Amino acid sequence: MLLVPAILYSIAPPGPIREGDTVFAQGAAKVPLAHPLLYESAGFEGTCLLDPHDPLMVMQRPADRADGLIFAKVQGKTTLEWPFCPPQAEVLLAQHQIAQKIDIVSEARKNLSEWWSR
């Protein structure tokens, strides 16, 4: 009974991306920093790395930008670790680099298969 909401959430279609939405990095990705000069002293050269499932808050929708990219702020990080994206850094992402929700069923299946193979 407790799994029903998770399964329904997982199979529901995603809606349009809106400002303030939380999205997740689709996989490990090298993304451009929106303000690269802020992080030059920390060793960043205009880009940083996102881990899979890193949460990001949408600051500007792709429909509102001429280049069609998503302007987002990194969430969930507390320490500055080069080459990973700094806490609260603003980055630019393509639509294929994000997921609006984590596929709970696929993640559970992957975790169980990893655990079972040990």
PDB file of N, CA and C in Angstrom:
ATOM      1  N   MET A   1       0.810  -1.197   0.000  1.00  0.00           N
ATOM      2  CA  MET A   1       0.000   0.000   0.000  1.00  0.00           C
ATOM      3  C   MET A   1       0.860   1.270   0.000  1.00  0.00           C
ATOM      4  N   LEU A   2       1.987   1.208   0.696  1.00  0.00           N
ATOM      5  CA  LEU A   2       2.861   2.374   0.756  1.00  0.00           C
ATOM      6  C   LEU A   2       3.590   2.642  -0.550  1.00  0.00           C
ATOM      7  N   LEU A   3       3.719   1.636  -1.383  1.00  0.00           N
ATOM      8  CA  LEU A   3       4.426   1.801  -2.654  1.00  0.00           C
ATOM      9  C   LEU A   3       3.569   2.438  -3.739  1.00  0.00           C
ATOM     10  N   VAL A   4       2.270   2.427  -3.606  1.00  0.00           N
ATOM     11  CA  VAL A   4       1.381   2.943  -4.652  1.00  0.00           C
ATOM     12  C   VAL A   4       1.670   4.415  -4.989  1.00  0.00           C
ATOM     13  N   PRO A   5       1.793   5.330  -4.006  1.00  0.00           N
ATOM     14  CA  PRO A   5       2.095   6.722  -4.384  1.00  0.00           C
ATOM     15  C   PRO A   5       3.426   6.867  -5.113  1.00  0.00           C
ATOM     16  N   ALA A   6       4.427   6.098  -4.713  1.00  0.00           N
ATOM     17  CA  ALA A   6       5.733   6.174  -5.374  1.00  0.00           C
ATOM     18  C   ALA A   6       5.642   5.692  -6.816  1.00  0.00           C
ATOM     19  N   ILE A   7       4.906   4.634  -7.037  1.00  0.00           N
ATOM     20  CA  ILE A   7       4.753   4.105  -8.396  1.00  0.00           C
ATOM     21  C   ILE A   7       3.966   5.085  -9.268  1.00  0.00           C
ATOM     22  N   LEU A   8       2.898   5.643  -8.731  1.00  0.00           N
ATOM     23  CA  LEU A   8       2.119   6.628  -9.489  1.00  0.00           C
ATOM     24  C   LEU A   8       2.950   7.858  -9.822  1.00  0.00           C
ATOM     25  N   TYR A   9       3.742   8.336  -8.877  1.00  0.00           N
ATOM     26  CA  TYR A   9       4.625   9.474  -9.118  1.00  0.00           C
ATOM     27  C   TYR A   9       5.607   9.145 -10.230  1.00  0.00           C
ATOM     28  N   SER A  10       6.148   7.947 -10.199  1.00  0.00           N
ATOM     29  CA  SER A  10       7.170   7.541 -11.158  1.00  0.00           C
ATOM     30  C   SER A  10       6.637   7.450 -12.585  1.00  0.00           C
ATOM     31  N   ILE A  11       5.386   7.030 -12.753  1.00  0.00           N
ATOM     32  CA  ILE A  11       4.869   6.839 -14.113  1.00  0.00           C
ATOM     33  C   ILE A  11       4.107   8.050 -14.646  1.00  0.00           C
ATOM     34  N   ALA A  12       3.840   9.037 -13.797  1.00  0.00           N
ATOM     35  CA  ALA A  12       3.117  10.231 -14.252  1.00  0.00           C
ATOM     36  C   ALA A  12       3.986  11.024 -15.233  1.00  0.00           C
ATOM     37  N   PRO A  13       3.395  11.572 -16.284  1.00  0.00           N
ATOM     38  CA  PRO A  13       4.189  12.332 -17.259  1.00  0.00           C
ATOM     39  C   PRO A  13       4.656  13.664 -16.660  1.00  0.00           C
ATOM     40  N   PRO A  14       5.841  14.113 -17.078  1.00  0.00           N
ATOM     41  CA  PRO A  14       6.329  15.405 -16.584  1.00  0.00           C
ATOM     42  C   PRO A  14       5.546  16.562 -17.210  1.00  0.00           C
ATOM     43  N   GLY A  15       5.443  17.645 -16.482  1.00  0.00           N
ATOM     44  CA  GLY A  15       4.765  18.830 -16.994  1.00  0.00           C
ATOM     45  C   GLY A  15       5.782  19.815 -17.553  1.00  0.00           C
ATOM     46  N   PRO A  16       5.339  21.005 -17.912  1.00  0.00           N
ATOM     47  CA  PRO A  16       6.274  22.013 -18.418  1.00  0.00           C
ATOM     48  C   PRO A  16       7.201  22.497 -17.293  1.00  0.00           C
ATOM     49  N   ILE A  17       8.395  22.887 -17.663  1.00  0.00           N
ATOM     50  CA  ILE A  17       9.360  23.394 -16.685  1.00  0.00           C
ATOM     51  C   ILE A  17       8.986  24.832 -16.338  1.00  0.00           C
ATOM     52  N   ARG A  18       8.901  25.115 -15.032  1.00  0.00           N
ATOM     53  CA  ARG A  18       8.551  26.457 -14.559  1.00  0.00           C
ATOM     54  C   ARG A  18       9.643  26.972 -13.631  1.00  0.00           C
ATOM     55  N   GLU A  19       9.717  28.295 -13.499  1.00  0.00           N
ATOM     56  CA  GLU A  19      10.650  28.891 -12.554  1.00  0.00           C
ATOM     57  C   GLU A  19      10.313  28.405 -11.155  1.00  0.00           C
ATOM     58  N   GLY A  20      11.348  28.084 -10.377  1.00  0.00           N
ATOM     59  CA  GLY A  20      11.157  27.609  -9.020  1.00  0.00           C
ATOM     60  C   GLY A  20      11.051  26.103  -8.908  1.00  0.00           C
ATOM     61  N   ASP A  21      10.884  25.390 -10.028  1.00  0.00           N
ATOM     62  CA  ASP A  21      10.821  23.927 -10.002  1.00  0.00           C
ATOM     63  C   ASP A  21      12.180  23.347  -9.626  1.00  0.00           C
ATOM     64  N   THR A  22      12.142  22.212  -8.964  1.00  0.00           N
ATOM     65  CA  THR A  22      13.365  21.458  -8.719  1.00  0.00           C
ATOM     66  C   THR A  22      13.466  20.384  -9.788  1.00  0.00           C
ATOM     67  N   VAL A  23      14.606  20.344 -10.455  1.00  0.00           N
ATOM     68  CA  VAL A  23      14.884  19.321 -11.454  1.00  0.00           C
ATOM     69  C   VAL A  23      16.159  18.602 -11.020  1.00  0.00           C
ATOM     70  N   PHE A  24      16.482  17.513 -11.684  1.00  0.00           N
ATOM     71  CA  PHE A  24      17.624  16.704 -11.293  1.00  0.00           C
ATOM     72  C   PHE A  24      18.539  16.469 -12.486  1.00  0.00           C
ATOM     73  N   ALA A  25      19.844  16.445 -12.223  1.00  0.00           N
ATOM     74  CA  ALA A  25      20.799  16.146 -13.285  1.00  0.00           C
ATOM     75  C   ALA A  25      20.547  14.736 -13.785  1.00  0.00           C
ATOM     76  N   GLN A  26      20.436  14.585 -15.094  1.00  0.00           N
ATOM     77  CA  GLN A  26      20.121  13.293 -15.706  1.00  0.00           C
ATOM     78  C   GLN A  26      21.272  12.308 -15.524  1.00  0.00           C
ATOM     79  N   GLY A  27      22.468  12.771 -15.536  1.00  0.00           N
ATOM     80  CA  GLY A  27      23.652  11.933 -15.370  1.00  0.00           C
ATOM     81  C   GLY A  27      24.823  12.845 -15.073  1.00  0.00           C
ATOM     82  N   ALA A  28      26.000  12.274 -14.978  1.00  0.00           N
ATOM     83  CA  ALA A  28      27.186  13.098 -14.788  1.00  0.00           C
ATOM     84  C   ALA A  28      27.360  13.972 -16.033  1.00  0.00           C
ATOM     85  N   ALA A  29      27.534  15.269 -15.815  1.00  0.00           N
ATOM     86  CA  ALA A  29      27.631  16.176 -16.955  1.00  0.00           C
ATOM     87  C   ALA A  29      28.536  17.355 -16.635  1.00  0.00           C
ATOM     88  N   LYS A  30      29.272  17.781 -17.635  1.00  0.00           N
ATOM     89  CA  LYS A  30      30.084  18.995 -17.532  1.00  0.00           C
ATOM     90  C   LYS A  30      29.226  20.123 -18.076  1.00  0.00           C
ATOM     91  N   VAL A  31      28.947  21.133 -17.238  1.00  0.00           N
ATOM     92  CA  VAL A  31      28.043  22.214 -17.626  1.00  0.00           C
ATOM     93  C   VAL A  31      28.730  23.564 -17.474  1.00  0.00           C
ATOM     94  N   PRO A  32      28.337  24.545 -18.300  1.00  0.00           N
ATOM     95  CA  PRO A  32      28.925  25.880 -18.173  1.00  0.00           C
ATOM     96  C   PRO A  32      28.352  26.627 -16.965  1.00  0.00           C
ATOM     97  N   LEU A  33      29.221  27.362 -16.288  1.00  0.00           N
ATOM     98  CA  LEU A  33      28.797  28.234 -15.201  1.00  0.00           C
ATOM     99  C   LEU A  33      28.210  29.502 -15.811  1.00  0.00           C
ATOM    100  N   ALA A  34      27.115  29.994 -15.272  1.00  0.00           N
ATOM    101  CA  ALA A  34      26.486  31.205 -15.795  1.00  0.00           C
ATOM    102  C   ALA A  34      27.342  32.441 -15.501  1.00  0.00           C
ATOM    103  N   HIS A  35      28.073  32.414 -14.402  1.00  0.00           N
ATOM    104  CA  HIS A  35      28.938  33.528 -14.004  1.00  0.00           C
ATOM    105  C   HIS A  35      30.334  32.968 -13.697  1.00  0.00           C
ATOM    106  N   PRO A  36      31.107  32.616 -14.723  1.00  0.00           N
ATOM    107  CA  PRO A  36      32.380  31.920 -14.505  1.00  0.00           C
ATOM    108  C   PRO A  36      33.429  32.721 -13.739  1.00  0.00           C
ATOM    109  N   LEU A  37      33.401  34.043 -13.839  1.00  0.00           N
ATOM    110  CA  LEU A  37      34.411  34.850 -13.154  1.00  0.00           C
ATOM    111  C   LEU A  37      34.318  34.738 -11.629  1.00  0.00           C
ATOM    112  N   LEU A  38      33.145  34.417 -11.109  1.00  0.00           N
ATOM    113  CA  LEU A  38      32.980  34.273  -9.659  1.00  0.00           C
ATOM    114  C   LEU A  38      33.766  33.100  -9.093  1.00  0.00           C
ATOM    115  N   TYR A  39      34.082  32.128  -9.937  1.00  0.00           N
ATOM    116  CA  TYR A  39      34.704  30.898  -9.452  1.00  0.00           C
ATOM    117  C   TYR A  39      36.108  30.658 -10.011  1.00  0.00           C
ATOM    118  N   GLU A  40      36.673  31.649 -10.702  1.00  0.00           N
ATOM    119  CA  GLU A  40      38.022  31.502 -11.247  1.00  0.00           C
ATOM    120  C   GLU A  40      39.049  31.272 -10.152  1.00  0.00           C
ATOM    121  N   SER A  41      38.949  31.988  -9.047  1.00  0.00           N
ATOM    122  CA  SER A  41      39.937  31.867  -7.962  1.00  0.00           C
ATOM    123  C   SER A  41      39.889  30.480  -7.314  1.00  0.00           C
ATOM    124  N   ALA A  42      38.795  29.757  -7.462  1.00  0.00           N
ATOM    125  CA  ALA A  42      38.676  28.406  -6.908  1.00  0.00           C
ATOM    126  C   ALA A  42      39.148  27.344  -7.908  1.00  0.00           C
ATOM    127  N   GLY A  43      39.626  27.768  -9.076  1.00  0.00           N
ATOM    128  CA  GLY A  43      40.171  26.837 -10.067  1.00  0.00           C
ATOM    129  C   GLY A  43      39.219  26.431 -11.171  1.00  0.00           C
ATOM    130  N   PHE A  44      38.035  26.994 -11.205  1.00  0.00           N
ATOM    131  CA  PHE A  44      37.080  26.648 -12.251  1.00  0.00           C
ATOM    132  C   PHE A  44      37.375  27.470 -13.501  1.00  0.00           C
ATOM    133  N   GLU A  45      37.303  26.832 -14.655  1.00  0.00           N
ATOM    134  CA  GLU A  45      37.582  27.496 -15.923  1.00  0.00           C
ATOM    135  C   GLU A  45      36.328  27.613 -16.772  1.00  0.00           C
ATOM    136  N   GLY A  46      35.234  28.053 -16.150  1.00  0.00           N
ATOM    137  CA  GLY A  46      34.010  28.276 -16.902  1.00  0.00           C
ATOM    138  C   GLY A  46      33.033  27.126 -16.891  1.00  0.00           C
ATOM    139  N   THR A  47      33.462  25.952 -16.416  1.00  0.00           N
ATOM    140  CA  THR A  47      32.570  24.800 -16.348  1.00  0.00           C
ATOM    141  C   THR A  47      32.727  24.098 -15.001  1.00  0.00           C
ATOM    142  N   CYS A  48      31.766  23.246 -14.694  1.00  0.00           N
ATOM    143  CA  CYS A  48      31.839  22.411 -13.495  1.00  0.00           C
ATOM    144  C   CYS A  48      31.134  21.098 -13.783  1.00  0.00           C
ATOM    145  N   LEU A  49      31.271  20.141 -12.887  1.00  0.00           N
ATOM    146  CA  LEU A  49      30.667  18.825 -13.064  1.00  0.00           C
ATOM    147  C   LEU A  49      29.460  18.637 -12.158  1.00  0.00           C
ATOM    148  N   LEU A  50      28.404  18.107 -12.717  1.00  0.00           N
ATOM    149  CA  LEU A  50      27.225  17.719 -11.949  1.00  0.00           C
ATOM    150  C   LEU A  50      27.243  16.207 -11.775  1.00  0.00           C
ATOM    151  N   ASP A  51      26.899  15.753 -10.595  1.00  0.00           N
ATOM    152  CA  ASP A  51      26.727  14.323 -10.354  1.00  0.00           C
ATOM    153  C   ASP A  51      25.323  13.920 -10.792  1.00  0.00           C
ATOM    154  N   PRO A  52      25.113  12.651 -11.099  1.00  0.00           N
ATOM    155  CA  PRO A  52      23.752  12.199 -11.406  1.00  0.00           C
ATOM    156  C   PRO A  52      22.819  12.493 -10.236  1.00  0.00           C
ATOM    157  N   HIS A  53      21.641  12.951 -10.534  1.00  0.00           N
ATOM    158  CA  HIS A  53      20.579  13.237  -9.569  1.00  0.00           C
ATOM    159  C   HIS A  53      20.849  14.457  -8.697  1.00  0.00           C
ATOM    160  N   ASP A  54      21.852  15.279  -9.014  1.00  0.00           N
ATOM    161  CA  ASP A  54      22.043  16.533  -8.274  1.00  0.00           C
ATOM    162  C   ASP A  54      20.788  17.389  -8.436  1.00  0.00           C
ATOM    163  N   PRO A  55      20.241  17.922  -7.339  1.00  0.00           N
ATOM    164  CA  PRO A  55      19.064  18.780  -7.461  1.00  0.00           C
ATOM    165  C   PRO A  55      19.443  20.187  -7.922  1.00  0.00           C
ATOM    166  N   LEU A  56      18.602  20.762  -8.761  1.00  0.00           N
ATOM    167  CA  LEU A  56      18.815  22.111  -9.290  1.00  0.00           C
ATOM    168  C   LEU A  56      17.482  22.846  -9.252  1.00  0.00           C
ATOM    169  N   MET A  57      17.522  24.133  -8.909  1.00  0.00           N
ATOM    170  CA  MET A  57      16.304  24.936  -8.919  1.00  0.00           C
ATOM    171  C   MET A  57      16.300  25.788 -10.182  1.00  0.00           C
ATOM    172  N   VAL A  58      15.225  25.700 -10.944  1.00  0.00           N
ATOM    173  CA  VAL A  58      15.101  26.444 -12.198  1.00  0.00           C
ATOM    174  C   VAL A  58      14.924  27.924 -11.881  1.00  0.00           C
ATOM    175  N   MET A  59      15.808  28.740 -12.421  1.00  0.00           N
ATOM    176  CA  MET A  59      15.750  30.187 -12.232  1.00  0.00           C
ATOM    177  C   MET A  59      15.091  30.868 -13.436  1.00  0.00           C
ATOM    178  N   GLN A  60      15.280  30.258 -14.617  1.00  0.00           N
ATOM    179  CA  GLN A  60      14.678  30.810 -15.833  1.00  0.00           C
ATOM    180  C   GLN A  60      14.357  29.659 -16.785  1.00  0.00           C
ATOM    181  N   ARG A  61      13.145  29.658 -17.275  1.00  0.00           N
ATOM    182  CA  ARG A  61      12.680  28.595 -18.170  1.00  0.00           C
ATOM    183  C   ARG A  61      13.398  28.665 -19.516  1.00  0.00           C
ATOM    184  N   PRO A  62      13.531  27.525 -20.198  1.00  0.00           N
ATOM    185  CA  PRO A  62      14.154  27.555 -21.520  1.00  0.00           C
ATOM    186  C   PRO A  62      13.333  28.362 -22.523  1.00  0.00           C
ATOM    187  N   ALA A  63      12.017  28.404 -22.338  1.00  0.00           N
ATOM    188  CA  ALA A  63      11.155  29.164 -23.257  1.00  0.00           C
ATOM    189  C   ALA A  63      11.404  30.669 -23.142  1.00  0.00           C
ATOM    190  N   ASP A  64      11.958  31.109 -22.013  1.00  0.00           N
ATOM    191  CA  ASP A  64      12.214  32.529 -21.797  1.00  0.00           C
ATOM    192  C   ASP A  64      13.607  32.964 -22.234  1.00  0.00           C
ATOM    193  N   ARG A  65      14.394  32.036 -22.744  1.00  0.00           N
ATOM    194  CA  ARG A  65      15.774  32.343 -23.151  1.00  0.00           C
ATOM    195  C   ARG A  65      15.924  32.175 -24.660  1.00  0.00           C
ATOM    196  N   ALA A  66      16.703  33.042 -25.265  1.00  0.00           N
ATOM    197  CA  ALA A  66      16.935  32.967 -26.713  1.00  0.00           C
ATOM    198  C   ALA A  66      17.704  31.704 -27.098  1.00  0.00           C
ATOM    199  N   ASP A  67      18.614  31.247 -26.218  1.00  0.00           N
ATOM    200  CA  ASP A  67      19.414  30.062 -26.532  1.00  0.00           C
ATOM    201  C   ASP A  67      18.706  28.756 -26.185  1.00  0.00           C
ATOM    202  N   GLY A  68      17.554  28.821 -25.519  1.00  0.00           N
ATOM    203  CA  GLY A  68      16.782  27.624 -25.186  1.00  0.00           C
ATOM    204  C   GLY A  68      17.334  26.802 -24.045  1.00  0.00           C
ATOM    205  N   LEU A  69      18.343  27.339 -23.335  1.00  0.00           N
ATOM    206  CA  LEU A  69      18.934  26.611 -22.213  1.00  0.00           C
ATOM    207  C   LEU A  69      18.169  26.885 -20.920  1.00  0.00           C
ATOM    208  N   ILE A  70      18.337  25.997 -19.970  1.00  0.00           N
ATOM    209  CA  ILE A  70      17.725  26.148 -18.656  1.00  0.00           C
ATOM    210  C   ILE A  70      18.747  26.810 -17.743  1.00  0.00           C
ATOM    211  N   PHE A  71      18.367  27.914 -17.127  1.00  0.00           N
ATOM    212  CA  PHE A  71      19.217  28.641 -16.177  1.00  0.00           C
ATOM    213  C   PHE A  71      18.807  28.142 -14.803  1.00  0.00           C
ATOM    214  N   ALA A  72      19.724  27.458 -14.094  1.00  0.00           N
ATOM    215  CA  ALA A  72      19.369  26.821 -12.826  1.00  0.00           C
ATOM    216  C   ALA A  72      20.445  27.047 -11.774  1.00  0.00           C
ATOM    217  N   LYS A  73      20.047  26.894 -10.510  1.00  0.00           N
ATOM    218  CA  LYS A  73      20.951  27.056  -9.373  1.00  0.00           C
ATOM    219  C   LYS A  73      21.149  25.698  -8.702  1.00  0.00           C
ATOM    220  N   VAL A  74      22.414  25.357  -8.446  1.00  0.00           N
ATOM    221  CA  VAL A  74      22.761  24.096  -7.802  1.00  0.00           C
ATOM    222  C   VAL A  74      22.245  24.108  -6.366  1.00  0.00           C
ATOM    223  N   GLN A  75      21.592  23.033  -5.965  1.00  0.00           N
ATOM    224  CA  GLN A  75      21.058  22.884  -4.612  1.00  0.00           C
ATOM    225  C   GLN A  75      21.700  21.665  -3.956  1.00  0.00           C
ATOM    226  N   GLY A  76      21.655  21.605  -2.644  1.00  0.00           N
ATOM    227  CA  GLY A  76      22.076  20.406  -1.936  1.00  0.00           C
ATOM    228  C   GLY A  76      23.564  20.270  -1.692  1.00  0.00           C
ATOM    229  N   LYS A  77      24.365  21.193  -2.158  1.00  0.00           N
ATOM    230  CA  LYS A  77      25.808  21.138  -1.916  1.00  0.00           C
ATOM    231  C   LYS A  77      26.148  22.110  -0.783  1.00  0.00           C
ATOM    232  N   THR A  78      27.106  21.741   0.046  1.00  0.00           N
ATOM    233  CA  THR A  78      27.499  22.616   1.144  1.00  0.00           C
ATOM    234  C   THR A  78      28.977  22.973   1.125  1.00  0.00           C
ATOM    235  N   THR A  79      29.780  22.211   0.401  1.00  0.00           N
ATOM    236  CA  THR A  79      31.209  22.491   0.358  1.00  0.00           C
ATOM    237  C   THR A  79      31.686  22.680  -1.078  1.00  0.00           C
ATOM    238  N   LEU A  80      32.710  23.475  -1.231  1.00  0.00           N
ATOM    239  CA  LEU A  80      33.310  23.732  -2.536  1.00  0.00           C
ATOM    240  C   LEU A  80      34.353  22.658  -2.805  1.00  0.00           C
ATOM    241  N   GLU A  81      34.099  21.819  -3.805  1.00  0.00           N
ATOM    242  CA  GLU A  81      35.006  20.741  -4.185  1.00  0.00           C
ATOM    243  C   GLU A  81      35.228  20.793  -5.687  1.00  0.00           C
ATOM    244  N   TRP A  82      36.396  21.257  -6.109  1.00  0.00           N
ATOM    245  CA  TRP A  82      36.707  21.267  -7.528  1.00  0.00           C
ATOM    246  C   TRP A  82      36.819  19.837  -7.984  1.00  0.00           C
ATOM    247  N   PRO A  83      36.322  19.425  -9.106  1.00  0.00           N
ATOM    248  CA  PRO A  83      35.688  20.108 -10.220  1.00  0.00           C
ATOM    249  C   PRO A  83      34.161  20.104 -10.156  1.00  0.00           C
ATOM    250  N   PHE A  84      33.587  19.669  -9.012  1.00  0.00           N
ATOM    251  CA  PHE A  84      32.129  19.609  -8.903  1.00  0.00           C
ATOM    252  C   PHE A  84      31.551  21.004  -8.731  1.00  0.00           C
ATOM    253  N   CYS A  85      30.331  21.191  -9.193  1.00  0.00           N
ATOM    254  CA  CYS A  85      29.701  22.508  -9.166  1.00  0.00           C
ATOM    255  C   CYS A  85      29.634  23.054  -7.743  1.00  0.00           C
ATOM    256  N   PRO A  86      30.024  24.314  -7.564  1.00  0.00           N
ATOM    257  CA  PRO A  86      30.009  24.932  -6.236  1.00  0.00           C
ATOM    258  C   PRO A  86      28.581  25.076  -5.695  1.00  0.00           C
ATOM    259  N   PRO A  87      28.454  25.157  -4.366  1.00  0.00           N
ATOM    260  CA  PRO A  87      27.129  25.371  -3.773  1.00  0.00           C
ATOM    261  C   PRO A  87      26.510  26.667  -4.298  1.00  0.00           C
ATOM    262  N   GLN A  88      25.246  26.619  -4.630  1.00  0.00           N
ATOM    263  CA  GLN A  88      24.469  27.760  -5.103  1.00  0.00           C
ATOM    264  C   GLN A  88      24.971  28.357  -6.422  1.00  0.00           C
ATOM    265  N   ALA A  89      25.836  27.639  -7.142  1.00  0.00           N
ATOM    266  CA  ALA A  89      26.322  28.129  -8.442  1.00  0.00           C
ATOM    267  C   ALA A  89      25.183  28.119  -9.451  1.00  0.00           C
ATOM    268  N   GLU A  90      25.170  29.101 -10.324  1.00  0.00           N
ATOM    269  CA  GLU A  90      24.179  29.172 -11.384  1.00  0.00           C
ATOM    270  C   GLU A  90      24.796  28.589 -12.647  1.00  0.00           C
ATOM    271  N   VAL A  91      24.092  27.638 -13.239  1.00  0.00           N
ATOM    272  CA  VAL A  91      24.607  26.913 -14.398  1.00  0.00           C
ATOM    273  C   VAL A  91      23.587  26.946 -15.533  1.00  0.00           C
ATOM    274  N   LEU A  92      24.056  26.593 -16.721  1.00  0.00           N
ATOM    275  CA  LEU A  92      23.206  26.518 -17.906  1.00  0.00           C
ATOM    276  C   LEU A  92      23.144  25.062 -18.353  1.00  0.00           C
ATOM    277  N   LEU A  93      21.923  24.583 -18.595  1.00  0.00           N
ATOM    278  CA  LEU A  93      21.733  23.182 -18.943  1.00  0.00           C
ATOM    279  C   LEU A  93      20.845  23.042 -20.170  1.00  0.00           C
ATOM    280  N   ALA A  94      21.113  22.022 -20.950  1.00  0.00           N
ATOM    281  CA  ALA A  94      20.230  21.674 -22.067  1.00  0.00           C
ATOM    282  C   ALA A  94      19.111  20.783 -21.525  1.00  0.00           C
ATOM    283  N   GLN A  95      18.018  20.723 -22.214  1.00  0.00           N
ATOM    284  CA  GLN A  95      16.849  19.948 -21.792  1.00  0.00           C
ATOM    285  C   GLN A  95      17.197  18.480 -21.539  1.00  0.00           C
ATOM    286  N   HIS A  96      18.072  17.904 -22.380  1.00  0.00           N
ATOM    287  CA  HIS A  96      18.402  16.484 -22.233  1.00  0.00           C
ATOM    288  C   HIS A  96      19.285  16.193 -21.017  1.00  0.00           C
ATOM    289  N   GLN A  97      19.813  17.219 -20.369  1.00  0.00           N
ATOM    290  CA  GLN A  97      20.685  17.030 -19.208  1.00  0.00           C
ATOM    291  C   GLN A  97      19.920  16.984 -17.888  1.00  0.00           C
ATOM    292  N   ILE A  98      18.611  17.176 -17.924  1.00  0.00           N
ATOM    293  CA  ILE A  98      17.832  17.194 -16.686  1.00  0.00           C
ATOM    294  C   ILE A  98      16.673  16.209 -16.748  1.00  0.00           C
ATOM    295  N   ALA A  99      16.219  15.843 -15.565  1.00  0.00           N
ATOM    296  CA  ALA A  99      14.992  15.051 -15.419  1.00  0.00           C
ATOM    297  C   ALA A  99      14.135  15.808 -14.415  1.00  0.00           C
ATOM    298  N   GLN A 100      12.843  15.862 -14.666  1.00  0.00           N
ATOM    299  CA  GLN A 100      11.970  16.585 -13.761  1.00  0.00           C
ATOM    300  C   GLN A 100      11.676  15.796 -12.500  1.00  0.00           C
ATOM    301  N   LYS A 101      11.904  14.510 -12.561  1.00  0.00           N
ATOM    302  CA  LYS A 101      11.735  13.674 -11.377  1.00  0.00           C
ATOM    303  C   LYS A 101      12.632  12.459 -11.528  1.00  0.00           C
ATOM    304  N   ILE A 102      12.982  11.881 -10.411  1.00  0.00           N
ATOM    305  CA  ILE A 102      13.804  10.686 -10.417  1.00  0.00           C
ATOM    306  C   ILE A 102      12.874   9.490 -10.601  1.00  0.00           C
ATOM    307  N   ASP A 103      13.239   8.587 -11.491  1.00  0.00           N
ATOM    308  CA  ASP A 103      12.445   7.387 -11.726  1.00  0.00           C
ATOM    309  C   ASP A 103      12.682   6.422 -10.569  1.00  0.00           C
ATOM    310  N   ILE A 104      11.771   6.437  -9.620  1.00  0.00           N
ATOM    311  CA  ILE A 104      11.921   5.674  -8.386  1.00  0.00           C
ATOM    312  C   ILE A 104      11.988   4.172  -8.657  1.00  0.00           C
ATOM    313  N   VAL A 105      11.172   3.687  -9.555  1.00  0.00           N
ATOM    314  CA  VAL A 105      11.138   2.252  -9.840  1.00  0.00           C
ATOM    315  C   VAL A 105      12.462   1.788 -10.442  1.00  0.00           C
ATOM    316  N   SER A 106      12.988   2.524 -11.420  1.00  0.00           N
ATOM    317  CA  SER A 106      14.268   2.154 -12.043  1.00  0.00           C
ATOM    318  C   SER A 106      15.411   2.233 -11.050  1.00  0.00           C
ATOM    319  N   GLU A 107      15.407   3.254 -10.217  1.00  0.00           N
ATOM    320  CA  GLU A 107      16.454   3.395  -9.207  1.00  0.00           C
ATOM    321  C   GLU A 107      16.407   2.253  -8.202  1.00  0.00           C
ATOM    322  N   ALA A 108      15.218   1.884  -7.759  1.00  0.00           N
ATOM    323  CA  ALA A 108      15.078   0.777  -6.808  1.00  0.00           C
ATOM    324  C   ALA A 108      15.557  -0.530  -7.437  1.00  0.00           C
ATOM    325  N   ARG A 109      15.179  -0.741  -8.698  1.00  0.00           N
ATOM    326  CA  ARG A 109      15.612  -1.953  -9.404  1.00  0.00           C
ATOM    327  C   ARG A 109      17.129  -1.991  -9.526  1.00  0.00           C
ATOM    328  N   LYS A 110      17.740  -0.858  -9.882  1.00  0.00           N
ATOM    329  CA  LYS A 110      19.206  -0.786 -10.020  1.00  0.00           C
ATOM    330  C   LYS A 110      19.882  -1.055  -8.686  1.00  0.00           C
ATOM    331  N   ASN A 111      19.381  -0.432  -7.615  1.00  0.00           N
ATOM    332  CA  ASN A 111      19.980  -0.620  -6.285  1.00  0.00           C
ATOM    333  C   ASN A 111      19.845  -2.057  -5.809  1.00  0.00           C
ATOM    334  N   LEU A 112      18.695  -2.675  -6.059  1.00  0.00           N
ATOM    335  CA  LEU A 112      18.511  -4.072  -5.660  1.00  0.00           C
ATOM    336  C   LEU A 112      19.434  -5.002  -6.439  1.00  0.00           C
ATOM    337  N   SER A 113      19.593  -4.748  -7.733  1.00  0.00           N
ATOM    338  CA  SER A 113      20.478  -5.610  -8.521  1.00  0.00           C
ATOM    339  C   SER A 113      21.937  -5.439  -8.093  1.00  0.00           C
ATOM    340  N   GLU A 114      22.344  -4.216  -7.732  1.00  0.00           N
ATOM    341  CA  GLU A 114      23.704  -4.005  -7.229  1.00  0.00           C
ATOM    342  C   GLU A 114      23.890  -4.706  -5.896  1.00  0.00           C
ATOM    343  N   TRP A 115      22.896  -4.602  -5.032  1.00  0.00           N
ATOM    344  CA  TRP A 115      22.993  -5.235  -3.715  1.00  0.00           C
ATOM    345  C   TRP A 115      23.012  -6.747  -3.851  1.00  0.00           C
ATOM    346  N   TRP A 116      22.182  -7.288  -4.764  1.00  0.00           N
ATOM    347  CA  TRP A 116      22.085  -8.727  -4.942  1.00  0.00           C
ATOM    348  C   TRP A 116      23.379  -9.311  -5.527  1.00  0.00           C
ATOM    349  N   SER A 117      24.085  -8.538  -6.349  1.00  0.00           N
ATOM    350  CA  SER A 117      25.303  -9.036  -7.000  1.00  0.00           C
ATOM    351  C   SER A 117      26.524  -9.029  -6.079  1.00  0.00           C
ATOM    352  N   ARG A 118      26.387  -8.505  -4.891  1.00  0.00           N
ATOM    353  CA  ARG A 118      27.539  -8.482  -3.944  1.00  0.00           C
ATOM    354  C   ARG A 118      27.796  -9.803  -3.336  1.00  0.00           C
TER     355      ARG A 118
END
